[in-house]
Amino acid sequence: MKMDDVISRQKAIDTLADMQCKSDEDGYVWIIRSDAWARIDALPSAQPEIIRCKDCEHFHYDMPYVIHGIPILGHEVCDFWGDGCKTNENGFCSYAERRTDG
C-alpha cells in the first residue's frame, strides 16, 4: 500500500455521514448500513507501530573493553544487520521485533 492510499478513520466516517442521504447523478440514493461507523472505527490503524532499537529483540549493548590499557566504551549493536552493526538506542527500522522479555 502506498502512503498516499492511507486514510484516517475519521475522514472515512465523515465521508459516509455526508453520503448517507445524498443521491448520485442517476438519482440513486446511497444507503449506508447503520453499523458502518462502528465497523470503520474498529479497523486497525494504518499507522505502523514504531519500535525503537532499545525495545527491539535484535538490539544489545557490547560490553566495554580495554585496548592497550585504554578503556573503550561499549557500543549499541543491532544483531539483525550483523557484523557488529552499530546503531543508536533511539533509532528504528522496518525489521524491528518487539523484545519479549519486557
N, C-alpha and C. Protein backbone atom coordinates (compact mmCIF):
# COMPACT_ATOMS: atom_id res chain seq x y z
N MET A 1 0.85 -1.18 0.00
CA MET A 1 0.00 0.00 0.00
C MET A 1 0.89 1.24 0.00
N LYS A 2 0.57 2.16 -0.86
CA LYS A 2 1.29 3.42 -0.89
C LYS A 2 0.79 4.32 0.23
N MET A 3 1.67 5.14 0.77
CA MET A 3 1.25 6.05 1.84
C MET A 3 0.17 7.01 1.37
N ASP A 4 0.11 7.29 0.04
CA ASP A 4 -0.94 8.16 -0.47
C ASP A 4 -2.32 7.52 -0.33
N ASP A 5 -2.35 6.18 -0.20
CA ASP A 5 -3.62 5.46 -0.10
C ASP A 5 -4.15 5.38 1.33
N VAL A 6 -3.37 5.80 2.30
CA VAL A 6 -3.78 5.72 3.69
C VAL A 6 -4.76 6.84 4.00
N ILE A 7 -5.89 6.46 4.60
CA ILE A 7 -6.87 7.47 5.00
C ILE A 7 -7.11 7.35 6.50
N SER A 8 -7.61 8.39 7.08
CA SER A 8 -7.90 8.33 8.51
C SER A 8 -9.30 7.78 8.72
N ARG A 9 -9.50 7.12 9.85
CA ARG A 9 -10.83 6.61 10.18
C ARG A 9 -11.84 7.75 10.22
N GLN A 10 -11.44 8.87 10.81
CA GLN A 10 -12.39 9.98 10.94
C GLN A 10 -12.82 10.53 9.59
N LYS A 11 -11.89 10.62 8.62
CA LYS A 11 -12.27 11.09 7.29
C LYS A 11 -13.24 10.12 6.62
N ALA A 12 -13.05 8.81 6.82
CA ALA A 12 -13.96 7.81 6.26
C ALA A 12 -15.35 7.96 6.89
N ILE A 13 -15.40 8.13 8.19
CA ILE A 13 -16.68 8.29 8.87
C ILE A 13 -17.37 9.57 8.41
N ASP A 14 -16.62 10.65 8.29
CA ASP A 14 -17.19 11.92 7.82
C ASP A 14 -17.74 11.78 6.40
N THR A 15 -17.01 11.05 5.56
CA THR A 15 -17.46 10.85 4.18
C THR A 15 -18.75 10.05 4.15
N LEU A 16 -18.83 8.99 4.94
CA LEU A 16 -20.06 8.19 5.00
C LEU A 16 -21.23 9.01 5.52
N ALA A 17 -20.98 9.81 6.53
CA ALA A 17 -22.05 10.65 7.08
C ALA A 17 -22.57 11.62 6.04
N ASP A 18 -21.66 12.14 5.22
CA ASP A 18 -22.02 13.08 4.17
C ASP A 18 -22.80 12.37 3.04
N MET A 19 -22.45 11.10 2.77
CA MET A 19 -23.08 10.35 1.68
C MET A 19 -24.43 9.74 2.06
N GLN A 20 -24.71 9.62 3.32
CA GLN A 20 -25.85 8.85 3.77
C GLN A 20 -27.17 9.25 3.11
N CYS A 21 -27.38 10.51 2.92
CA CYS A 21 -28.66 10.96 2.38
C CYS A 21 -28.55 11.58 0.99
N LYS A 22 -27.45 11.39 0.31
CA LYS A 22 -27.28 12.03 -0.98
C LYS A 22 -27.60 11.09 -2.12
N SER A 23 -27.97 11.65 -3.25
CA SER A 23 -28.22 10.89 -4.46
C SER A 23 -27.09 11.13 -5.44
N ASP A 24 -26.85 10.14 -6.30
CA ASP A 24 -25.86 10.39 -7.34
C ASP A 24 -26.56 10.95 -8.58
N GLU A 25 -25.83 11.13 -9.68
CA GLU A 25 -26.40 11.77 -10.87
C GLU A 25 -27.53 10.96 -11.51
N ASP A 26 -27.61 9.66 -11.23
CA ASP A 26 -28.69 8.83 -11.78
C ASP A 26 -29.91 8.80 -10.87
N GLY A 27 -29.86 9.49 -9.75
CA GLY A 27 -30.99 9.55 -8.85
C GLY A 27 -31.01 8.45 -7.80
N TYR A 28 -29.97 7.63 -7.74
CA TYR A 28 -29.93 6.57 -6.73
C TYR A 28 -29.53 7.16 -5.39
N VAL A 29 -30.19 6.72 -4.36
CA VAL A 29 -29.88 7.22 -3.02
C VAL A 29 -28.88 6.25 -2.39
N TRP A 30 -27.83 6.82 -1.84
CA TRP A 30 -26.85 6.00 -1.14
C TRP A 30 -27.42 5.60 0.22
N ILE A 31 -27.42 4.32 0.50
CA ILE A 31 -27.89 3.84 1.80
C ILE A 31 -26.69 3.21 2.50
N ILE A 32 -26.41 3.70 3.67
CA ILE A 32 -25.26 3.23 4.44
C ILE A 32 -25.76 2.38 5.59
N ARG A 33 -25.12 1.23 5.79
CA ARG A 33 -25.50 0.36 6.91
C ARG A 33 -25.38 1.13 8.21
N SER A 34 -26.28 0.87 9.12
CA SER A 34 -26.28 1.61 10.39
C SER A 34 -25.03 1.33 11.23
N ASP A 35 -24.39 0.17 11.02
CA ASP A 35 -23.20 -0.14 11.81
C ASP A 35 -21.90 0.21 11.07
N ALA A 36 -21.99 0.92 9.96
CA ALA A 36 -20.80 1.24 9.17
C ALA A 36 -19.79 2.05 9.96
N TRP A 37 -20.28 3.01 10.75
CA TRP A 37 -19.37 3.85 11.53
C TRP A 37 -18.60 3.01 12.55
N ALA A 38 -19.28 2.11 13.22
CA ALA A 38 -18.61 1.25 14.21
C ALA A 38 -17.61 0.32 13.53
N ARG A 39 -17.97 -0.18 12.34
CA ARG A 39 -17.05 -1.06 11.61
C ARG A 39 -15.78 -0.32 11.20
N ILE A 40 -15.92 0.89 10.74
CA ILE A 40 -14.74 1.68 10.36
C ILE A 40 -13.91 2.00 11.58
N ASP A 41 -14.55 2.37 12.66
CA ASP A 41 -13.84 2.71 13.89
C ASP A 41 -13.07 1.51 14.44
N ALA A 42 -13.53 0.30 14.17
CA ALA A 42 -12.88 -0.91 14.66
C ALA A 42 -11.70 -1.36 13.80
N LEU A 43 -11.54 -0.76 12.61
CA LEU A 43 -10.43 -1.15 11.74
C LEU A 43 -9.10 -0.81 12.38
N PRO A 44 -8.07 -1.63 12.14
CA PRO A 44 -6.75 -1.31 12.71
C PRO A 44 -6.19 -0.05 12.07
N SER A 45 -5.36 0.61 12.81
CA SER A 45 -4.73 1.83 12.32
C SER A 45 -3.79 1.51 11.16
N ALA A 46 -3.75 2.37 10.18
CA ALA A 46 -2.82 2.20 9.06
C ALA A 46 -1.44 2.72 9.43
N GLN A 47 -1.36 3.40 10.54
CA GLN A 47 -0.08 3.94 11.00
C GLN A 47 0.75 2.80 11.60
N PRO A 48 1.93 2.52 11.07
CA PRO A 48 2.73 1.42 11.63
C PRO A 48 3.23 1.75 13.03
N GLU A 49 3.38 0.72 13.84
CA GLU A 49 3.95 0.91 15.16
C GLU A 49 5.46 1.07 14.99
N ILE A 50 6.01 2.08 15.62
CA ILE A 50 7.46 2.29 15.55
C ILE A 50 8.07 1.69 16.80
N ILE A 51 8.99 0.75 16.58
CA ILE A 51 9.69 0.10 17.68
C ILE A 51 11.12 0.64 17.68
N ARG A 52 11.48 1.32 18.73
CA ARG A 52 12.83 1.87 18.85
C ARG A 52 13.84 0.73 19.05
N CYS A 53 15.07 0.95 18.63
CA CYS A 53 16.11 -0.07 18.76
C CYS A 53 16.20 -0.61 20.19
N LYS A 54 16.14 0.27 21.17
CA LYS A 54 16.29 -0.17 22.57
C LYS A 54 15.20 -1.15 22.99
N ASP A 55 14.06 -1.18 22.28
CA ASP A 55 12.96 -2.10 22.60
C ASP A 55 12.89 -3.29 21.65
N CYS A 56 13.90 -3.42 20.79
CA CYS A 56 13.91 -4.45 19.75
C CYS A 56 14.65 -5.70 20.20
N GLU A 57 14.18 -6.83 19.73
CA GLU A 57 14.78 -8.14 20.01
C GLU A 57 16.24 -8.22 19.52
N HIS A 58 16.58 -7.49 18.48
CA HIS A 58 17.90 -7.58 17.85
C HIS A 58 18.95 -6.65 18.47
N PHE A 59 18.55 -5.83 19.43
CA PHE A 59 19.43 -4.81 19.99
C PHE A 59 20.14 -5.32 21.25
N HIS A 60 21.40 -4.97 21.39
CA HIS A 60 22.11 -5.20 22.66
C HIS A 60 23.28 -4.23 22.76
N TYR A 61 23.80 -4.11 23.96
CA TYR A 61 24.99 -3.29 24.20
C TYR A 61 26.21 -4.20 24.22
N ASP A 62 27.24 -3.84 23.47
CA ASP A 62 28.52 -4.53 23.59
C ASP A 62 29.11 -4.14 24.94
N MET A 63 29.81 -5.06 25.52
CA MET A 63 30.46 -4.78 26.80
C MET A 63 31.65 -3.85 26.58
N PRO A 64 31.89 -2.94 27.52
CA PRO A 64 33.10 -2.10 27.43
C PRO A 64 34.33 -3.00 27.50
N TYR A 65 35.40 -2.57 26.90
CA TYR A 65 36.62 -3.37 26.89
C TYR A 65 37.83 -2.44 26.96
N VAL A 66 39.00 -3.05 27.09
CA VAL A 66 40.24 -2.28 27.23
C VAL A 66 41.20 -2.69 26.12
N ILE A 67 41.74 -1.69 25.42
CA ILE A 67 42.76 -1.94 24.40
C ILE A 67 44.01 -1.15 24.80
N HIS A 68 45.13 -1.88 24.99
CA HIS A 68 46.41 -1.26 25.38
C HIS A 68 46.24 -0.36 26.60
N GLY A 69 45.43 -0.83 27.56
CA GLY A 69 45.25 -0.09 28.81
C GLY A 69 44.28 1.08 28.72
N ILE A 70 43.66 1.27 27.54
CA ILE A 70 42.72 2.38 27.37
C ILE A 70 41.29 1.81 27.39
N PRO A 71 40.45 2.27 28.35
CA PRO A 71 39.08 1.76 28.38
C PRO A 71 38.28 2.28 27.18
N ILE A 72 37.59 1.36 26.52
CA ILE A 72 36.76 1.70 25.37
C ILE A 72 35.30 1.45 25.75
N LEU A 73 34.47 2.42 25.55
CA LEU A 73 33.05 2.26 25.88
C LEU A 73 32.41 1.23 24.95
N GLY A 74 31.39 0.56 25.45
CA GLY A 74 30.65 -0.39 24.64
C GLY A 74 29.83 0.33 23.58
N HIS A 75 29.35 -0.43 22.63
CA HIS A 75 28.56 0.14 21.53
C HIS A 75 27.13 -0.39 21.59
N GLU A 76 26.23 0.34 21.01
CA GLU A 76 24.86 -0.12 20.82
C GLU A 76 24.86 -0.86 19.50
N VAL A 77 24.47 -2.14 19.52
CA VAL A 77 24.64 -3.00 18.35
C VAL A 77 23.31 -3.62 17.94
N CYS A 78 23.13 -3.77 16.62
CA CYS A 78 21.97 -4.45 16.05
C CYS A 78 22.41 -5.80 15.50
N ASP A 79 21.90 -6.89 16.07
CA ASP A 79 22.25 -8.23 15.60
C ASP A 79 21.60 -8.57 14.27
N PHE A 80 20.49 -7.93 13.94
CA PHE A 80 19.80 -8.22 12.67
C PHE A 80 20.72 -7.92 11.49
N TRP A 81 21.38 -6.78 11.53
CA TRP A 81 22.23 -6.37 10.41
C TRP A 81 23.60 -7.04 10.45
N GLY A 82 23.95 -7.66 11.57
CA GLY A 82 25.17 -8.45 11.66
C GLY A 82 26.45 -7.65 11.69
N ASP A 83 27.56 -8.38 11.84
CA ASP A 83 28.91 -7.80 11.85
C ASP A 83 29.06 -6.65 12.83
N GLY A 84 28.38 -6.75 13.97
CA GLY A 84 28.53 -5.70 14.99
C GLY A 84 28.04 -4.34 14.52
N CYS A 85 26.99 -4.34 13.74
CA CYS A 85 26.44 -3.08 13.20
C CYS A 85 26.07 -2.13 14.34
N LYS A 86 26.72 -0.99 14.37
CA LYS A 86 26.44 -0.01 15.41
C LYS A 86 25.13 0.70 15.10
N THR A 87 24.41 1.03 16.14
CA THR A 87 23.14 1.72 15.99
C THR A 87 23.00 2.71 17.13
N ASN A 88 21.85 3.27 17.26
CA ASN A 88 21.53 4.20 18.34
C ASN A 88 20.28 3.67 19.02
N GLU A 89 20.24 3.68 20.34
CA GLU A 89 19.09 3.10 21.03
C GLU A 89 17.77 3.76 20.66
N ASN A 90 17.80 4.99 20.18
CA ASN A 90 16.57 5.67 19.77
C ASN A 90 16.29 5.54 18.27
N GLY A 91 17.16 4.79 17.57
CA GLY A 91 16.94 4.55 16.15
C GLY A 91 15.80 3.57 15.95
N PHE A 92 15.46 3.31 14.70
CA PHE A 92 14.42 2.32 14.38
C PHE A 92 14.57 1.91 12.93
N CYS A 93 14.00 0.75 12.59
CA CYS A 93 14.00 0.30 11.20
C CYS A 93 12.76 -0.56 10.97
N SER A 94 12.54 -0.94 9.74
CA SER A 94 11.34 -1.71 9.41
C SER A 94 11.46 -3.19 9.77
N TYR A 95 12.61 -3.62 10.27
CA TYR A 95 12.80 -5.03 10.64
C TYR A 95 12.70 -5.25 12.15
N ALA A 96 12.33 -4.24 12.88
CA ALA A 96 12.27 -4.34 14.34
C ALA A 96 11.24 -5.37 14.80
N GLU A 97 11.59 -6.07 15.86
CA GLU A 97 10.69 -7.01 16.51
C GLU A 97 10.69 -6.67 17.99
N ARG A 98 9.50 -6.42 18.54
CA ARG A 98 9.42 -6.01 19.94
C ARG A 98 10.02 -7.07 20.85
N ARG A 99 10.86 -6.63 21.77
CA ARG A 99 11.51 -7.51 22.74
C ARG A 99 10.44 -8.16 23.61
N THR A 100 10.55 -9.46 23.82
CA THR A 100 9.53 -10.18 24.58
C THR A 100 9.85 -10.24 26.07
N ASP A 101 11.08 -9.94 26.45
CA ASP A 101 11.45 -10.05 27.88
C ASP A 101 11.10 -8.81 28.68
N GLY A 102 10.36 -7.90 28.08
CA GLY A 102 9.91 -6.75 28.83
C GLY A 102 10.76 -5.60 28.61
